Structures are given as C-alpha cells and as structure tokens.
Protein backbone atom coordinates (compact mmCIF):
# COMPACT_ATOMS: atom_id res chain seq x y z
CA MET A 1 111.99 121.72 72.54
CA SER A 2 111.14 118.09 72.20
CA ASN A 3 107.68 117.07 70.77
CA GLN A 4 107.05 114.76 73.95
CA GLN A 5 104.42 117.14 75.72
CA PHE A 6 102.99 115.45 78.75
CA SER A 7 99.28 116.80 79.58
CA GLY A 8 98.00 114.51 82.35
CA THR A 9 96.05 111.57 81.66
CA LYS A 10 92.09 110.74 82.44
CA GLU A 11 93.59 108.84 85.75
CA TYR A 12 95.94 111.56 86.69
CA VAL A 13 95.00 115.51 87.24
CA ALA A 14 97.96 117.24 86.91
CA SER A 15 98.42 120.83 87.87
CA GLU A 16 99.88 123.18 84.81
CA GLU A 17 103.24 123.69 87.05
CA LEU A 18 103.47 120.34 87.47
CA MET A 19 103.17 119.52 83.67
CA ALA A 20 105.62 122.54 82.87
CA GLY A 21 107.96 120.58 84.81
CA VAL A 22 107.66 117.02 83.57
CA ASN A 23 107.86 118.88 80.07
CA VAL A 24 110.92 120.76 80.91
CA ALA A 25 112.63 117.96 82.11
CA ILE A 26 111.99 116.22 79.47
CA ALA A 27 113.23 119.08 76.78
CA LEU A 28 116.67 119.49 78.76
CA GLN A 29 116.96 115.81 79.30
CA LYS A 30 117.53 116.24 83.00
CA PRO A 31 116.48 114.30 85.96
CA LEU A 32 113.09 115.40 87.25
CA LEU A 33 113.13 115.73 91.14
CA ILE A 34 109.78 115.40 92.56
CA LYS A 35 109.21 116.15 96.37
CA GLY A 36 105.67 116.49 98.42
CA GLU A 37 104.20 115.23 101.26
CA PRO A 38 102.98 111.24 101.09
CA GLY A 39 100.16 110.57 99.09
CA THR A 40 100.47 113.21 96.77
CA GLY A 41 100.80 111.27 94.23
CA LYS A 42 104.47 111.70 93.21
CA THR A 43 104.71 107.70 92.32
CA MET A 44 101.66 107.73 90.21
CA LEU A 45 103.11 110.60 88.22
CA ALA A 46 105.77 108.31 86.16
CA GLU A 47 103.18 105.75 85.74
CA ALA A 48 100.84 109.11 84.54
CA VAL A 49 103.96 110.10 82.28
CA ALA A 50 104.79 106.47 80.61
CA ARG A 51 101.13 105.86 79.94
CA SER A 52 100.70 109.43 78.25
CA LEU A 53 103.72 109.12 75.99
CA GLY A 54 103.33 105.72 75.27
CA LYS A 55 106.31 104.34 76.84
CA LYS A 56 107.63 101.54 79.28
CA LEU A 57 108.02 102.30 82.87
CA ILE A 58 110.94 100.94 84.75
CA ILE A 59 110.64 101.63 88.39
CA TRP A 60 113.42 101.21 91.17
CA ASN A 61 112.26 100.98 94.41
CA ILE A 62 114.56 102.46 97.11
CA LYS A 63 114.93 101.09 100.48
CA SER A 64 117.23 101.67 103.58
CA THR A 65 119.74 99.21 102.64
CA THR A 66 119.85 100.10 98.51
CA LYS A 67 123.32 100.63 97.16
CA ALA A 68 123.70 102.95 93.94
CA GLN A 69 125.59 99.44 92.36
CA ASP A 70 122.47 97.56 92.88
CA GLY A 71 121.11 99.79 89.97
CA LEU A 72 123.53 98.87 87.70
CA TYR A 73 124.76 95.33 87.87
CA MET A 74 125.25 92.44 89.99
CA TYR A 75 127.90 89.94 89.55
CA ASP A 76 126.52 86.47 90.90
CA THR A 77 129.88 84.82 91.98
CA ILE A 78 127.66 82.39 93.98
CA GLN A 79 125.96 81.13 90.81
CA ARG A 80 129.26 80.73 88.57
CA LEU A 81 131.11 78.86 91.85
CA TYR A 82 127.67 76.69 91.86
CA ASP A 83 127.57 76.24 88.42
CA GLY A 84 131.89 75.50 87.96
CA GLN A 85 131.15 72.57 90.75
CA PHE A 86 128.45 71.04 88.70
CA GLY A 87 130.62 71.41 85.27
CA GLU A 88 127.74 73.52 83.96
CA GLU A 89 128.81 74.67 80.03
CA GLY A 90 129.75 78.49 79.93
CA VAL A 91 130.89 79.06 83.18
CA ASP A 92 134.10 80.37 82.17
CA ASP A 93 131.99 83.55 80.37
CA ILE A 94 131.76 86.22 83.36
CA ALA A 95 129.07 87.97 80.90
CA HIS A 96 126.63 85.16 81.84
CA TYR A 97 126.50 86.01 85.58
CA ILE A 98 126.32 89.51 84.96
CA LYS A 99 122.60 90.74 85.89
CA LEU A 100 121.75 94.09 85.03
CA GLY A 101 119.87 96.48 87.42
CA LYS A 102 117.06 98.87 86.80
CA LEU A 103 119.41 101.68 85.42
CA GLY A 104 121.16 99.20 83.24
CA GLU A 105 118.05 97.74 82.30
CA ALA A 106 117.05 101.38 81.22
CA PHE A 107 119.98 102.00 79.42
CA GLU A 108 120.07 98.78 77.59
CA SER A 109 116.56 99.40 76.33
CA GLU A 110 116.38 99.76 72.75
CA GLU A 111 112.98 101.98 73.10
CA GLN A 112 113.13 105.13 75.60
CA VAL A 113 111.77 104.24 78.61
CA VAL A 114 110.72 106.18 81.69
CA LEU A 115 112.84 105.46 85.01
CA LEU A 116 111.14 106.11 88.51
CA ILE A 117 113.91 105.87 91.11
CA ASP A 118 111.13 105.99 93.93
CA GLU A 119 111.50 107.40 97.39
CA ILE A 120 115.69 108.16 96.95
CA ASP A 121 115.82 109.59 100.22
CA LYS A 122 114.93 106.51 102.17
CA ALA A 123 118.79 105.28 101.05
CA ASP A 124 121.81 106.57 103.06
CA LEU A 125 123.36 109.79 101.99
CA GLU A 126 126.16 109.02 100.04
CA PHE A 127 123.42 107.06 97.11
CA PRO A 128 122.71 110.12 95.58
CA ASN A 129 126.39 110.92 94.95
CA ASP A 130 127.29 107.71 93.95
CA LEU A 131 124.84 107.84 90.97
CA LEU A 132 126.32 111.64 89.63
CA TRP A 133 128.29 109.61 86.57
CA GLU A 134 125.83 107.85 85.54
CA LEU A 135 122.94 110.25 85.43
CA ASP A 136 124.98 112.96 83.91
CA GLN A 137 126.50 110.79 81.32
CA MET A 138 124.30 108.15 80.89
CA GLU A 139 126.61 105.27 81.08
CA PHE A 140 128.68 102.96 83.67
CA TYR A 141 131.82 100.45 83.43
CA ILE A 142 131.34 97.06 84.25
CA HIS A 143 134.75 95.98 85.73
CA GLU A 144 134.26 91.89 85.60
CA THR A 145 133.69 92.23 81.66
CA LYS A 146 135.70 95.45 80.59
CA ARG A 147 132.29 96.60 78.90
CA THR A 148 130.74 100.18 78.97
CA VAL A 149 126.71 100.04 79.02
CA LYS A 150 125.86 103.44 77.68
CA ALA A 151 122.22 104.27 77.28
CA LYS A 152 120.73 103.68 73.65
CA GLN A 153 118.24 106.08 74.53
CA ARG A 154 118.18 108.57 77.42
CA PRO A 155 115.47 107.58 79.58
CA ILE A 156 113.11 110.27 81.08
CA VAL A 157 114.39 109.94 84.80
CA ILE A 158 111.70 110.89 87.73
CA ILE A 159 112.68 110.63 91.08
CA THR A 160 110.68 111.20 94.37
CA SER A 161 111.66 112.08 97.57
CA ASN A 162 109.22 112.36 100.60
CA ALA A 163 111.85 115.20 102.07
CA GLU A 164 112.93 112.81 104.97
CA LYS A 165 116.68 113.40 104.50
CA GLU A 166 118.38 116.45 102.42
CA LEU A 167 119.72 115.53 99.24
CA PRO A 168 123.47 116.91 98.04
CA ASP A 169 123.86 120.23 96.25
CA ALA A 170 125.67 118.43 93.58
CA PHE A 171 122.63 116.18 93.28
CA LEU A 172 120.28 118.82 93.13
CA ARG A 173 122.00 120.89 90.35
CA ARG A 174 121.77 118.49 87.93
CA CYS A 175 117.73 118.17 88.53
CA ILE A 176 114.96 119.78 87.66
CA PHE A 177 112.69 120.50 90.94
CA HIS A 178 108.95 120.11 91.34
CA TYR A 179 107.30 120.48 94.79
CA ILE A 180 103.68 119.16 94.44
CA ASP A 181 101.50 121.06 96.67
CA PHE A 182 98.73 119.42 98.42
CA PRO A 183 95.52 119.97 96.24
CA ASP A 184 93.54 122.88 96.84
CA GLU A 185 89.67 121.64 97.40
CA ALA A 186 88.91 122.65 93.39
CA LEU A 187 91.20 120.33 92.40
CA MET A 188 90.66 117.49 95.13
CA GLU A 189 87.17 117.29 93.77
CA GLU A 190 88.59 116.83 89.98
CA ILE A 191 91.44 114.48 91.52
CA VAL A 192 88.23 112.48 93.14
CA ARG A 193 85.94 112.65 90.47
CA THR A 194 88.40 110.84 88.12
CA HIS A 195 87.99 107.96 90.02
CA TYR A 196 84.23 108.12 90.86
CA PRO A 197 82.68 110.42 88.19
CA ASP A 198 79.02 109.48 89.60
CA VAL A 199 79.59 110.12 93.47
CA GLU A 200 76.63 112.32 94.95
CA GLU A 201 77.72 115.87 95.09
CA HIS A 202 76.36 116.85 98.65
CA LEU A 203 77.97 113.40 100.20
CA LEU A 204 81.33 114.87 98.00
CA GLN A 205 81.51 118.24 99.64
CA ASN A 206 80.55 117.06 103.38
CA ALA A 207 83.22 114.60 102.86
CA MET A 208 85.82 116.79 101.95
CA GLU A 209 84.72 119.64 104.45
CA VAL A 210 85.40 117.01 107.45
CA PHE A 211 88.47 116.13 105.74
CA TYR A 212 90.02 119.51 105.10
CA ARG A 213 89.10 120.18 109.08
CA ILE A 214 90.55 117.44 110.07
CA ARG A 215 93.85 118.29 107.93
CA ASP A 216 93.67 121.62 109.47
CA LEU A 217 93.77 120.42 112.96
CA ARG A 218 96.96 121.71 114.68
CA ASP A 219 97.59 118.69 117.25
CA ILE A 220 97.09 116.04 114.17
CA ARG A 221 99.92 113.94 113.91
CA LYS A 222 99.96 112.17 110.16
CA LYS A 223 97.73 114.40 107.91
CA PRO A 224 95.49 112.28 105.78
CA SER A 225 96.25 112.08 102.27
CA THR A 226 94.80 112.38 98.72
CA SER A 227 94.62 108.75 98.73
CA GLU A 228 92.81 108.19 102.19
CA LEU A 229 90.28 110.77 101.15
CA ILE A 230 89.87 108.79 98.22
CA ASP A 231 89.36 105.20 99.65
CA TRP A 232 87.26 106.87 102.47
CA ILE A 233 84.37 108.25 99.72
CA ASN A 234 84.62 104.68 98.33
CA ALA A 235 84.35 103.39 101.57
CA LEU A 236 81.00 106.01 101.95
CA GLN A 237 79.28 104.62 98.69
CA ILE A 238 79.71 100.97 99.44
CA GLY A 239 78.56 101.77 103.26
CA GLY A 240 75.66 103.37 101.91
CA ILE A 241 76.31 106.36 104.33
CA SER A 242 73.93 109.62 103.65
CA ALA A 243 75.56 113.01 103.53
CA ASP A 244 74.11 113.96 106.52
CA GLN A 245 75.85 111.02 108.35
CA ILE A 246 79.32 112.36 107.62
CA ARG A 247 79.91 114.93 109.82
CA ALA A 248 77.57 113.78 112.72
CA LYS A 249 78.80 109.84 113.13
CA LEU A 250 82.29 110.46 111.55
CA PRO A 251 82.07 106.84 109.60
CA PHE A 252 84.43 104.90 108.42
CA ILE A 253 86.94 107.19 109.94
CA GLY A 254 89.50 104.71 110.32
CA VAL A 255 89.96 105.12 106.86
CA VAL A 256 91.06 108.84 107.24
CA VAL A 257 93.21 108.44 110.41
CA LYS A 258 95.22 106.14 111.06
CA LYS A 259 96.89 106.93 114.40
CA ASP A 260 95.15 106.25 118.13
CA GLU A 261 96.04 109.51 119.32
CA ASP A 262 94.79 111.33 116.18
CA LEU A 263 91.58 109.62 116.45
CA GLU A 264 91.03 111.49 120.02
CA THR A 265 91.92 114.45 118.73
CA VAL A 266 89.11 114.08 115.44
CA ARG A 267 86.87 112.98 117.89
CA GLN A 268 87.16 115.85 120.78
CA LYS A 269 87.71 118.72 117.97
CA LEU A 270 85.05 117.38 115.43
CA ASP A 271 82.01 116.87 117.94
C-alpha cells in the first residue's frame, strides 16, 4: 500500500470507514466516488485530503452544461482569428491557443495533486462515460497539435455526487465507492466542537436535540444539514441566546429551516 495515509484534519472529522475508503482509493489508484445528502461534507473531504497530505487541490465544478471536453482542453479559435486579423506574432502556433481544463492541469502538474470533480451528477448522462478512458489511462489526445497529454503524476481523484442521477455501471466499476451517512449525535458533537470548541454544553445539547427532532419530522421537505446546524449554533452564540430559549422560542430557526412549508410544520410539531 502507499505510504500516504489520510487520517482527517483538525477541521474535518472523518469516520473510520471514510478514512479507510480514502486510503484504499489512494493505494489502488482509483477514483473515490463519494455520495451522501447535501451538507455531509463531501466537497470538504477533498480539501481535507489535500491539506492532510500536503498537496495542491484542483477543483472542477460540474454544471448542467459541462461537457467532458471542458475538463481536458479548449482550442481558442476566436482568439486566434482575432490575433490573425491584427498581425500578432505566433498566430501560426496552434499550441499557443490550447488552454488546458482542470483534468489537463492535474495531468500536467509536476507534483501529485488532489483533483475534485464536484457534483458529477449535475451533468448529462453521457458525461461520466465520456471520461472513462481519461480516468483509466490518465491521458488524452489533443487533435489540433497531435500531442498526448499524459499524467506526470497520477492525481488522487475524488468525485462527489448528490445522487440526483444514476451513474453508468461502466463508470461505477472504475471507482471506489463510499456513502457518507448523516452523522449520529456523538459524531455531530465532535464536528461542531471542531468549529466552536468553547460552545456552552447545555446550549449545544439543546440545539442538537431540536435539530435532530426537525430532521426526524416525517413531513419535512428539506432536512437541515450539518453546515446549517453549525451556522445555527454560531447564530445562537452571537445572539446571546440562552439554552432554555432554544426549545421554547426556536430563535433564528430560519438558519436551519429554509422552506415556508417546513417552517410551518416545525412550528406546529415542536410547539
């Protein structure tokens, strides 16, 4: 196995299973596919891995319009035409107009980097299949310059998904998979204390009790996430709210609950 081992950071509390998943993916040199509901720290994991291992992080944020080609390279024909019209030097050198995408940057790096492909399920269904060769072989071909870009150092690839779409089986076969379960109360307390180590115990316990009761409500449409609990505790501390007021008045509840219908449900059920 590789001697690179991820064991979490001061800012990122990872379960034993998650740390094992990261380390297996690194050792087997396979992409790590992370799924979980929004707010469970999928994106932050890549930041924590990069920080823990002392590596540069390259982030490729995926949108609904993103194509696989965007991550490889772009040939800027418009700029070349523009330069040609104004007699700029070097216009005949096509390589000058090839701009590498995030995957290309990761391949060209002299040192190993962590590459985050964030929210892959936002793209169309063909997007993951269009990256099979590149993620397998760690190379791609630039047709305009007849050059093959091959990874100088195989990047550590972390891919996140909110499970909005099913990913193709051929893609899944090439990944190590881990689902981040929503933290239980013990782990959640540890996570909160990494952000606010001096939070008053009674306030924390009352806030967490209300938070988990909200998440357990059957009629809730958008369950609050870890990041929203952290924001809420911060708001309670800044507002000078006493622990006893939390259950009685639900102060700043809009930090946790973000839909009108859910606010109504919470106020009715937690009264």
